Every structure is written in structure tokens, then in C-alpha cells.
Amino acid sequence: MRQTQENLKSLQSRFHSACVVCGRKNPQGMKLPFRTCKDGSVKARFFCDRLLQGYPGLMHGGVTAAILDGAMMNCLFAHGKIAVTGALTVRFVSPLAVKQAATVRARIKKSISAWHILESELLQGKRVVAKGTAKFMECSEHFLKQHKMAGEDKK
């Protein structure tokens, strides 16, 4: 699988424009700026806003999980893949402080047909604060369009 920044931006804008993690059109979103790396991974550096804290001074664990999941999805976008998360496991290693910068990275560990296993990690400084692994299943644009339309009918 060849990854490119063009794939990443194209699929991100078509399918994740309102995503809370990476969506550019979500006014309350984090808008993480994912970039492709030469080794096939993606990464994004961002500021941990205090509005996303759980306990005072610490990023909420659910937000941390969403960031790890979003990084893995963007890695698949970079490889031209559209998929949904089938399973997500997060290992919290150390607290993630708010009002500081952090970096998230993700890479494809293994792909078998339409299934992909990815790994991600979240760092603050040089310290790994959380790790994620997930299984993703590829899906079609048709599936996503049907789902979007069904969701719009309920409004």
C-alpha cells in the first residue's frame, strides 16, 4: 500500500470533514493536522486544550482514546483506505497534561484482505502517555452514503 499526503487530505475532506478529531469543518473539533511520514505512518502535533480535561489538569481519557483512533483512521486514509473501527484497545501509560503540546503517531501493523490492524501512540515530550491498537474493516463509499442518509432522515 502506498501512502500519500494527497490521499490523506482527499479522503479526510470527503469523509471526515465533521470529525471531532481531524475535521476541518467542525467548529468545536480539534482539527489535528495529520501528516504522512516516509515510513508509511502518520503523525500530528497539537495543543492539549484545557477544555478537554477530565480531572483538573489532565486530558479526559475518552478524548485520548478518540485521538488514538483518529490517528489510525488517518493512517488508513493516507493509504487510500476507507474503513470503520471494529475494535479499539487503549493502554493509558501516564497522565496527559493539558496546556501542553503532544504528538500522536499511527502505523499499519498488518493488513489481511479488507481487515487492517493498526497501532498508535501519544507522546508528550519524549514520554509515551498512551498506546492504541485497533482492527479496522474496509467499507465502501456506498455504505457510508447510506449511513449518512439514514442519519439525516432522523433529524
N, C-alpha and C. Protein backbone atom coordinates (compact mmCIF):
# COMPACT_ATOMS: atom_id res chain seq x y z
N MET A 1 0.84 -1.19 0.00
CA MET A 1 0.00 0.00 0.00
C MET A 1 0.88 1.25 0.00
N ARG A 2 0.62 2.12 -0.91
CA ARG A 2 1.38 3.36 -1.00
C ARG A 2 0.60 4.46 -0.30
N GLN A 3 1.28 5.18 0.58
CA GLN A 3 0.59 6.28 1.26
C GLN A 3 1.04 7.61 0.70
N THR A 4 0.10 8.55 0.68
CA THR A 4 0.42 9.89 0.20
C THR A 4 -0.35 10.92 1.01
N GLN A 5 0.20 12.10 1.05
CA GLN A 5 -0.49 13.22 1.70
C GLN A 5 -1.75 13.58 0.92
N GLU A 6 -1.72 13.39 -0.41
CA GLU A 6 -2.90 13.70 -1.23
C GLU A 6 -4.06 12.77 -0.89
N ASN A 7 -3.77 11.46 -0.75
CA ASN A 7 -4.81 10.51 -0.33
C ASN A 7 -5.41 10.95 1.01
N LEU A 8 -4.52 11.26 1.94
CA LEU A 8 -4.95 11.65 3.29
C LEU A 8 -5.90 12.83 3.24
N LYS A 9 -5.51 13.89 2.58
CA LYS A 9 -6.33 15.11 2.54
C LYS A 9 -7.63 14.89 1.78
N SER A 10 -7.58 14.14 0.68
CA SER A 10 -8.77 13.91 -0.11
C SER A 10 -9.81 13.11 0.67
N LEU A 11 -9.42 11.98 1.24
CA LEU A 11 -10.37 11.15 1.97
C LEU A 11 -10.82 11.81 3.26
N GLN A 12 -9.92 12.53 3.90
CA GLN A 12 -10.28 13.26 5.13
C GLN A 12 -11.37 14.29 4.84
N SER A 13 -11.20 15.06 3.76
CA SER A 13 -12.19 16.10 3.47
C SER A 13 -13.51 15.51 2.97
N ARG A 14 -13.46 14.38 2.27
CA ARG A 14 -14.68 13.75 1.75
C ARG A 14 -15.48 13.03 2.82
N PHE A 15 -14.79 12.39 3.76
CA PHE A 15 -15.49 11.53 4.70
C PHE A 15 -15.37 11.93 6.18
N HIS A 16 -14.45 12.80 6.51
CA HIS A 16 -14.25 13.17 7.92
C HIS A 16 -14.24 14.68 8.14
N SER A 17 -14.90 15.43 7.29
CA SER A 17 -14.85 16.89 7.42
C SER A 17 -15.47 17.38 8.72
N ALA A 18 -16.39 16.59 9.30
CA ALA A 18 -17.02 16.98 10.56
C ALA A 18 -16.47 16.21 11.76
N CYS A 19 -15.42 15.43 11.55
CA CYS A 19 -14.84 14.62 12.63
C CYS A 19 -14.35 15.51 13.78
N VAL A 20 -14.62 15.08 15.00
CA VAL A 20 -14.20 15.86 16.17
C VAL A 20 -12.68 15.87 16.32
N VAL A 21 -11.99 14.88 15.78
CA VAL A 21 -10.53 14.82 15.90
C VAL A 21 -9.83 15.57 14.78
N CYS A 22 -10.22 15.30 13.52
CA CYS A 22 -9.47 15.87 12.39
C CYS A 22 -10.27 16.78 11.48
N GLY A 23 -11.58 16.82 11.64
CA GLY A 23 -12.43 17.55 10.70
C GLY A 23 -12.19 19.05 10.67
N ARG A 24 -11.97 19.56 9.49
CA ARG A 24 -11.73 20.99 9.31
C ARG A 24 -13.01 21.81 9.40
N LYS A 25 -14.16 21.17 9.18
CA LYS A 25 -15.43 21.90 9.18
C LYS A 25 -16.19 21.77 10.50
N ASN A 26 -15.57 21.19 11.50
CA ASN A 26 -16.22 21.05 12.81
C ASN A 26 -15.75 22.20 13.70
N PRO A 27 -16.61 23.17 13.97
CA PRO A 27 -16.19 24.34 14.74
C PRO A 27 -15.74 24.02 16.16
N GLN A 28 -16.22 22.92 16.73
CA GLN A 28 -15.79 22.52 18.08
C GLN A 28 -14.71 21.45 18.04
N GLY A 29 -14.28 21.04 16.85
CA GLY A 29 -13.31 19.96 16.71
C GLY A 29 -11.88 20.37 17.02
N MET A 30 -11.03 19.36 17.16
CA MET A 30 -9.62 19.59 17.47
C MET A 30 -8.80 19.95 16.23
N LYS A 31 -9.26 19.52 15.05
CA LYS A 31 -8.61 19.82 13.77
C LYS A 31 -7.14 19.40 13.74
N LEU A 32 -6.85 18.18 14.22
CA LEU A 32 -5.47 17.72 14.24
C LEU A 32 -4.88 17.69 12.83
N PRO A 33 -3.70 18.26 12.66
CA PRO A 33 -3.08 18.38 11.33
C PRO A 33 -2.23 17.16 10.97
N PHE A 34 -2.85 16.07 10.56
CA PHE A 34 -2.11 14.85 10.26
C PHE A 34 -1.24 15.01 9.02
N ARG A 35 -0.04 14.44 9.10
CA ARG A 35 0.93 14.47 8.00
C ARG A 35 1.46 13.06 7.80
N THR A 36 1.74 12.72 6.55
CA THR A 36 2.33 11.42 6.26
C THR A 36 3.83 11.46 6.53
N CYS A 37 4.38 10.30 6.87
CA CYS A 37 5.82 10.15 7.12
C CYS A 37 6.38 9.16 6.11
N LYS A 38 7.68 9.22 5.91
CA LYS A 38 8.34 8.37 4.91
C LYS A 38 8.16 6.88 5.19
N ASP A 39 8.00 6.52 6.45
CA ASP A 39 7.88 5.09 6.81
C ASP A 39 6.46 4.56 6.65
N GLY A 40 5.54 5.36 6.14
CA GLY A 40 4.16 4.92 5.93
C GLY A 40 3.22 5.28 7.07
N SER A 41 3.75 5.84 8.12
CA SER A 41 2.92 6.24 9.26
C SER A 41 2.39 7.65 9.05
N VAL A 42 1.56 8.10 10.00
CA VAL A 42 1.11 9.49 10.03
C VAL A 42 1.38 10.03 11.43
N LYS A 43 1.45 11.35 11.52
CA LYS A 43 1.61 11.97 12.83
C LYS A 43 0.97 13.35 12.82
N ALA A 44 0.67 13.83 14.02
CA ALA A 44 0.12 15.17 14.18
C ALA A 44 0.59 15.71 15.52
N ARG A 45 0.99 16.96 15.51
CA ARG A 45 1.35 17.65 16.75
C ARG A 45 0.21 18.61 17.06
N PHE A 46 -0.17 18.70 18.33
CA PHE A 46 -1.30 19.53 18.70
C PHE A 46 -1.16 20.01 20.14
N PHE A 47 -2.00 20.96 20.50
CA PHE A 47 -2.01 21.52 21.85
C PHE A 47 -3.16 20.89 22.63
N CYS A 48 -2.89 20.46 23.84
CA CYS A 48 -3.91 19.85 24.70
C CYS A 48 -4.69 20.96 25.42
N ASP A 49 -5.82 21.29 24.88
CA ASP A 49 -6.64 22.38 25.40
C ASP A 49 -7.28 21.98 26.73
N ARG A 50 -7.31 22.88 27.66
CA ARG A 50 -7.87 22.58 28.99
C ARG A 50 -9.37 22.32 28.93
N LEU A 51 -10.02 22.74 27.85
CA LEU A 51 -11.46 22.45 27.69
C LEU A 51 -11.72 20.95 27.51
N LEU A 52 -10.67 20.18 27.25
CA LEU A 52 -10.81 18.75 27.02
C LEU A 52 -10.34 17.93 28.22
N GLN A 53 -10.24 18.56 29.37
CA GLN A 53 -9.76 17.85 30.55
C GLN A 53 -10.87 17.05 31.21
N GLY A 54 -10.43 16.03 31.94
CA GLY A 54 -11.32 15.26 32.81
C GLY A 54 -11.03 15.73 34.22
N TYR A 55 -10.07 15.06 34.88
CA TYR A 55 -9.61 15.56 36.17
C TYR A 55 -8.85 16.86 35.93
N PRO A 56 -8.82 17.75 36.92
CA PRO A 56 -8.13 19.04 36.73
C PRO A 56 -6.69 18.86 36.25
N GLY A 57 -6.39 19.51 35.14
CA GLY A 57 -5.03 19.49 34.59
C GLY A 57 -4.70 18.29 33.72
N LEU A 58 -5.65 17.34 33.58
CA LEU A 58 -5.38 16.13 32.80
C LEU A 58 -6.40 15.97 31.68
N MET A 59 -5.93 15.56 30.52
CA MET A 59 -6.81 15.32 29.38
C MET A 59 -7.76 14.16 29.72
N HIS A 60 -9.01 14.28 29.31
CA HIS A 60 -10.01 13.24 29.54
C HIS A 60 -9.60 11.96 28.79
N GLY A 61 -9.75 10.82 29.43
CA GLY A 61 -9.37 9.55 28.81
C GLY A 61 -10.12 9.23 27.54
N GLY A 62 -11.38 9.61 27.46
CA GLY A 62 -12.16 9.39 26.25
C GLY A 62 -11.64 10.21 25.08
N VAL A 63 -11.17 11.41 25.37
CA VAL A 63 -10.58 12.25 24.33
C VAL A 63 -9.27 11.62 23.86
N THR A 64 -8.48 11.12 24.80
CA THR A 64 -7.22 10.45 24.46
C THR A 64 -7.50 9.26 23.53
N ALA A 65 -8.51 8.46 23.86
CA ALA A 65 -8.88 7.31 23.02
C ALA A 65 -9.31 7.77 21.63
N ALA A 66 -10.09 8.84 21.56
CA ALA A 66 -10.55 9.36 20.26
C ALA A 66 -9.37 9.83 19.41
N ILE A 67 -8.38 10.45 20.03
CA ILE A 67 -7.20 10.92 19.29
C ILE A 67 -6.44 9.73 18.72
N LEU A 68 -6.24 8.68 19.52
CA LEU A 68 -5.54 7.49 19.03
C LEU A 68 -6.30 6.84 17.88
N ASP A 69 -7.61 6.71 18.02
CA ASP A 69 -8.46 6.13 16.98
C ASP A 69 -8.41 6.99 15.71
N GLY A 70 -8.51 8.30 15.88
CA GLY A 70 -8.46 9.21 14.73
C GLY A 70 -7.14 9.14 13.99
N ALA A 71 -6.05 8.99 14.72
CA ALA A 71 -4.73 8.88 14.07
C ALA A 71 -4.66 7.62 13.21
N MET A 72 -5.20 6.52 13.74
CA MET A 72 -5.17 5.27 12.97
C MET A 72 -6.05 5.37 11.73
N MET A 73 -7.22 6.01 11.85
CA MET A 73 -8.09 6.19 10.68
C MET A 73 -7.38 7.04 9.63
N ASN A 74 -6.71 8.11 10.06
CA ASN A 74 -5.99 8.96 9.10
C ASN A 74 -4.83 8.24 8.45
N CYS A 75 -4.23 7.29 9.15
CA CYS A 75 -3.19 6.47 8.53
C CYS A 75 -3.78 5.65 7.39
N LEU A 76 -4.95 5.08 7.62
CA LEU A 76 -5.61 4.35 6.53
C LEU A 76 -5.98 5.28 5.38
N PHE A 77 -6.47 6.46 5.68
CA PHE A 77 -6.76 7.44 4.63
C PHE A 77 -5.51 7.69 3.78
N ALA A 78 -4.37 7.83 4.43
CA ALA A 78 -3.12 8.10 3.70
C ALA A 78 -2.79 6.97 2.74
N HIS A 79 -3.26 5.77 3.05
CA HIS A 79 -3.03 4.60 2.19
C HIS A 79 -4.20 4.36 1.23
N GLY A 80 -5.12 5.33 1.17
CA GLY A 80 -6.24 5.24 0.23
C GLY A 80 -7.35 4.32 0.68
N LYS A 81 -7.43 4.01 1.98
CA LYS A 81 -8.42 3.07 2.50
C LYS A 81 -9.51 3.80 3.28
N ILE A 82 -10.76 3.39 3.05
CA ILE A 82 -11.92 3.87 3.81
C ILE A 82 -12.34 2.70 4.69
N ALA A 83 -12.42 2.94 6.00
CA ALA A 83 -12.71 1.84 6.92
C ALA A 83 -13.44 2.36 8.15
N VAL A 84 -13.94 1.42 8.94
CA VAL A 84 -14.56 1.75 10.22
C VAL A 84 -13.86 0.94 11.31
N THR A 85 -13.84 1.47 12.51
CA THR A 85 -13.21 0.81 13.63
C THR A 85 -14.08 -0.36 14.08
N GLY A 86 -13.46 -1.54 14.16
CA GLY A 86 -14.16 -2.73 14.63
C GLY A 86 -13.87 -3.02 16.09
N ALA A 87 -12.65 -2.72 16.51
CA ALA A 87 -12.25 -2.94 17.90
C ALA A 87 -11.14 -1.96 18.22
N LEU A 88 -11.16 -1.42 19.42
CA LEU A 88 -10.15 -0.45 19.85
C LEU A 88 -9.73 -0.79 21.27
N THR A 89 -8.42 -0.87 21.48
CA THR A 89 -7.87 -1.08 22.81
C THR A 89 -6.92 0.06 23.11
N VAL A 90 -7.07 0.65 24.29
CA VAL A 90 -6.20 1.76 24.70
C VAL A 90 -5.49 1.39 25.99
N ARG A 91 -4.21 1.63 26.01
CA ARG A 91 -3.40 1.44 27.22
C ARG A 91 -2.94 2.81 27.68
N PHE A 92 -3.43 3.24 28.82
CA PHE A 92 -3.03 4.53 29.40
C PHE A 92 -1.76 4.29 30.21
N VAL A 93 -0.66 4.91 29.80
CA VAL A 93 0.64 4.67 30.42
C VAL A 93 0.96 5.72 31.47
N SER A 94 0.61 6.96 31.18
CA SER A 94 0.96 8.08 32.04
C SER A 94 -0.05 9.20 31.81
N PRO A 95 -0.28 10.08 32.77
CA PRO A 95 -1.24 11.17 32.55
C PRO A 95 -0.82 12.09 31.40
N LEU A 96 -1.81 12.57 30.66
CA LEU A 96 -1.60 13.54 29.58
C LEU A 96 -2.03 14.90 30.10
N ALA A 97 -1.07 15.78 30.26
CA ALA A 97 -1.33 17.10 30.83
C ALA A 97 -1.96 18.04 29.82
N VAL A 98 -2.90 18.86 30.28
CA VAL A 98 -3.45 19.90 29.42
C VAL A 98 -2.51 21.10 29.45
N LYS A 99 -2.76 22.05 28.56
CA LYS A 99 -1.95 23.27 28.41
C LYS A 99 -0.51 22.96 28.00
N GLN A 100 -0.32 21.83 27.30
CA GLN A 100 0.98 21.44 26.75
C GLN A 100 0.77 20.82 25.38
N ALA A 101 1.84 20.77 24.61
CA ALA A 101 1.79 20.14 23.29
C ALA A 101 1.93 18.63 23.42
N ALA A 102 1.43 17.92 22.43
CA ALA A 102 1.56 16.47 22.36
C ALA A 102 1.66 16.07 20.88
N THR A 103 2.09 14.85 20.65
CA THR A 103 2.20 14.31 19.29
C THR A 103 1.57 12.93 19.28
N VAL A 104 0.78 12.66 18.25
CA VAL A 104 0.20 11.34 18.06
C VAL A 104 0.75 10.76 16.76
N ARG A 105 1.05 9.46 16.80
CA ARG A 105 1.55 8.76 15.62
C ARG A 105 0.76 7.47 15.44
N ALA A 106 0.62 7.04 14.17
CA ALA A 106 -0.08 5.78 13.90
C ALA A 106 0.55 5.11 12.69
N ARG A 107 0.49 3.77 12.70
CA ARG A 107 1.03 2.99 11.59
C ARG A 107 0.22 1.72 11.40
N ILE A 108 0.26 1.20 10.18
CA ILE A 108 -0.38 -0.08 9.89
C ILE A 108 0.58 -1.18 10.32
N LYS A 109 0.09 -2.08 11.15
CA LYS A 109 0.90 -3.21 11.59
C LYS A 109 0.73 -4.40 10.65
N LYS A 110 -0.54 -4.63 10.21
CA LYS A 110 -0.81 -5.80 9.37
C LYS A 110 -2.11 -5.58 8.61
N SER A 111 -2.16 -6.04 7.37
CA SER A 111 -3.38 -5.99 6.57
C SER A 111 -3.64 -7.36 5.98
N ILE A 112 -4.88 -7.81 6.14
CA ILE A 112 -5.30 -9.08 5.55
C ILE A 112 -6.63 -8.82 4.86
N SER A 113 -6.59 -8.81 3.54
CA SER A 113 -7.77 -8.53 2.73
C SER A 113 -8.37 -7.18 3.15
N ALA A 114 -9.60 -7.15 3.60
CA ALA A 114 -10.25 -5.88 3.97
C ALA A 114 -10.09 -5.53 5.44
N TRP A 115 -9.29 -6.29 6.17
CA TRP A 115 -9.05 -6.04 7.61
C TRP A 115 -7.66 -5.46 7.80
N HIS A 116 -7.58 -4.48 8.69
CA HIS A 116 -6.30 -3.82 8.96
C HIS A 116 -6.12 -3.70 10.47
N ILE A 117 -4.93 -4.02 10.93
CA ILE A 117 -4.57 -3.86 12.34
C ILE A 117 -3.58 -2.70 12.41
N LEU A 118 -3.90 -1.73 13.24
CA LEU A 118 -3.06 -0.54 13.36
C LEU A 118 -2.63 -0.33 14.80
N GLU A 119 -1.53 0.42 14.95
CA GLU A 119 -1.02 0.80 16.26
C GLU A 119 -0.85 2.31 16.29
N SER A 120 -1.05 2.89 17.46
CA SER A 120 -0.84 4.32 17.61
C SER A 120 -0.24 4.58 18.98
N GLU A 121 0.39 5.74 19.10
CA GLU A 121 0.92 6.16 20.40
C GLU A 121 0.83 7.67 20.51
N LEU A 122 0.64 8.10 21.73
CA LEU A 122 0.52 9.51 22.05
C LEU A 122 1.67 9.88 22.96
N LEU A 123 2.41 10.91 22.57
CA LEU A 123 3.58 11.33 23.33
C LEU A 123 3.42 12.75 23.81
N GLN A 124 3.96 13.00 24.99
CA GLN A 124 4.08 14.37 25.48
C GLN A 124 5.55 14.54 25.81
N GLY A 125 6.19 15.41 25.04
CA GLY A 125 7.65 15.45 25.09
C GLY A 125 8.16 14.14 24.50
N LYS A 126 9.06 13.48 25.17
CA LYS A 126 9.57 12.19 24.70
C LYS A 126 8.90 11.02 25.41
N ARG A 127 7.94 11.31 26.28
CA ARG A 127 7.27 10.29 27.10
C ARG A 127 6.01 9.78 26.42
N VAL A 128 5.91 8.46 26.26
CA VAL A 128 4.69 7.84 25.74
C VAL A 128 3.65 7.87 26.86
N VAL A 129 2.49 8.48 26.60
CA VAL A 129 1.45 8.57 27.62
C VAL A 129 0.28 7.62 27.35
N ALA A 130 0.11 7.18 26.10
CA ALA A 130 -0.96 6.24 25.78
C ALA A 130 -0.62 5.51 24.49
N LYS A 131 -1.11 4.27 24.40
CA LYS A 131 -0.92 3.45 23.21
C LYS A 131 -2.26 2.89 22.80
N GLY A 132 -2.47 2.78 21.50
CA GLY A 132 -3.71 2.21 21.00
C GLY A 132 -3.45 1.16 19.95
N THR A 133 -4.30 0.16 19.92
CA THR A 133 -4.31 -0.82 18.83
C THR A 133 -5.76 -0.95 18.39
N ALA A 134 -5.96 -1.18 17.12
CA ALA A 134 -7.32 -1.29 16.62
C ALA A 134 -7.38 -2.17 15.39
N LYS A 135 -8.56 -2.76 15.20
CA LYS A 135 -8.87 -3.51 13.99
C LYS A 135 -9.88 -2.68 13.22
N PHE A 136 -9.59 -2.47 11.96
CA PHE A 136 -10.47 -1.71 11.08
C PHE A 136 -10.94 -2.60 9.94
N MET A 137 -12.18 -2.39 9.52
CA MET A 137 -12.74 -3.11 8.39
C MET A 137 -13.03 -2.11 7.28
N GLU A 138 -12.49 -2.40 6.10
CA GLU A 138 -12.77 -1.52 4.97
C GLU A 138 -14.26 -1.53 4.65
N CYS A 139 -14.74 -0.40 4.19
CA CYS A 139 -16.13 -0.29 3.77
C CYS A 139 -16.18 0.54 2.49
N SER A 140 -17.30 0.48 1.82
CA SER A 140 -17.45 1.18 0.55
C SER A 140 -18.00 2.59 0.76
N GLU A 141 -17.81 3.42 -0.24
CA GLU A 141 -18.43 4.74 -0.22
C GLU A 141 -19.95 4.60 -0.16
N HIS A 142 -20.47 3.59 -0.84
CA HIS A 142 -21.91 3.34 -0.85
C HIS A 142 -22.42 3.12 0.58
N PHE A 143 -21.71 2.30 1.35
CA PHE A 143 -22.09 2.05 2.75
C PHE A 143 -22.13 3.36 3.53
N LEU A 144 -21.11 4.18 3.38
CA LEU A 144 -21.05 5.44 4.12
C LEU A 144 -22.16 6.40 3.70
N LYS A 145 -22.46 6.44 2.41
CA LYS A 145 -23.53 7.32 1.93
C LYS A 145 -24.88 6.87 2.45
N GLN A 146 -25.12 5.55 2.49
CA GLN A 146 -26.38 5.03 3.04
C GLN A 146 -26.50 5.39 4.51
N HIS A 147 -25.43 5.24 5.24
CA HIS A 147 -25.43 5.55 6.67
C HIS A 147 -25.69 7.03 6.90
N LYS A 148 -25.05 7.87 6.12
CA LYS A 148 -25.25 9.33 6.25
C LYS A 148 -26.69 9.68 5.98
N MET A 149 -27.25 9.13 4.90
CA MET A 149 -28.64 9.44 4.56
C MET A 149 -29.59 8.96 5.65
N ALA A 150 -29.35 7.78 6.20
CA ALA A 150 -30.21 7.26 7.26
C ALA A 150 -30.14 8.18 8.48
N GLY A 151 -28.96 8.69 8.80
CA GLY A 151 -28.81 9.59 9.93
C GLY A 151 -29.51 10.92 9.70
N GLU A 152 -29.49 11.40 8.47
CA GLU A 152 -30.14 12.67 8.15
C GLU A 152 -31.66 12.55 8.20
N ASP A 153 -32.20 11.35 7.87
CA ASP A 153 -33.65 11.14 7.92
C ASP A 153 -34.19 11.26 9.33
N LYS A 154 -33.39 11.00 10.33
CA LYS A 154 -33.83 11.00 11.72
C LYS A 154 -33.89 12.39 12.32
N LYS A 155 -33.42 13.40 11.62
CA LYS A 155 -33.42 14.76 12.15
C LYS A 155 -34.79 15.36 12.11
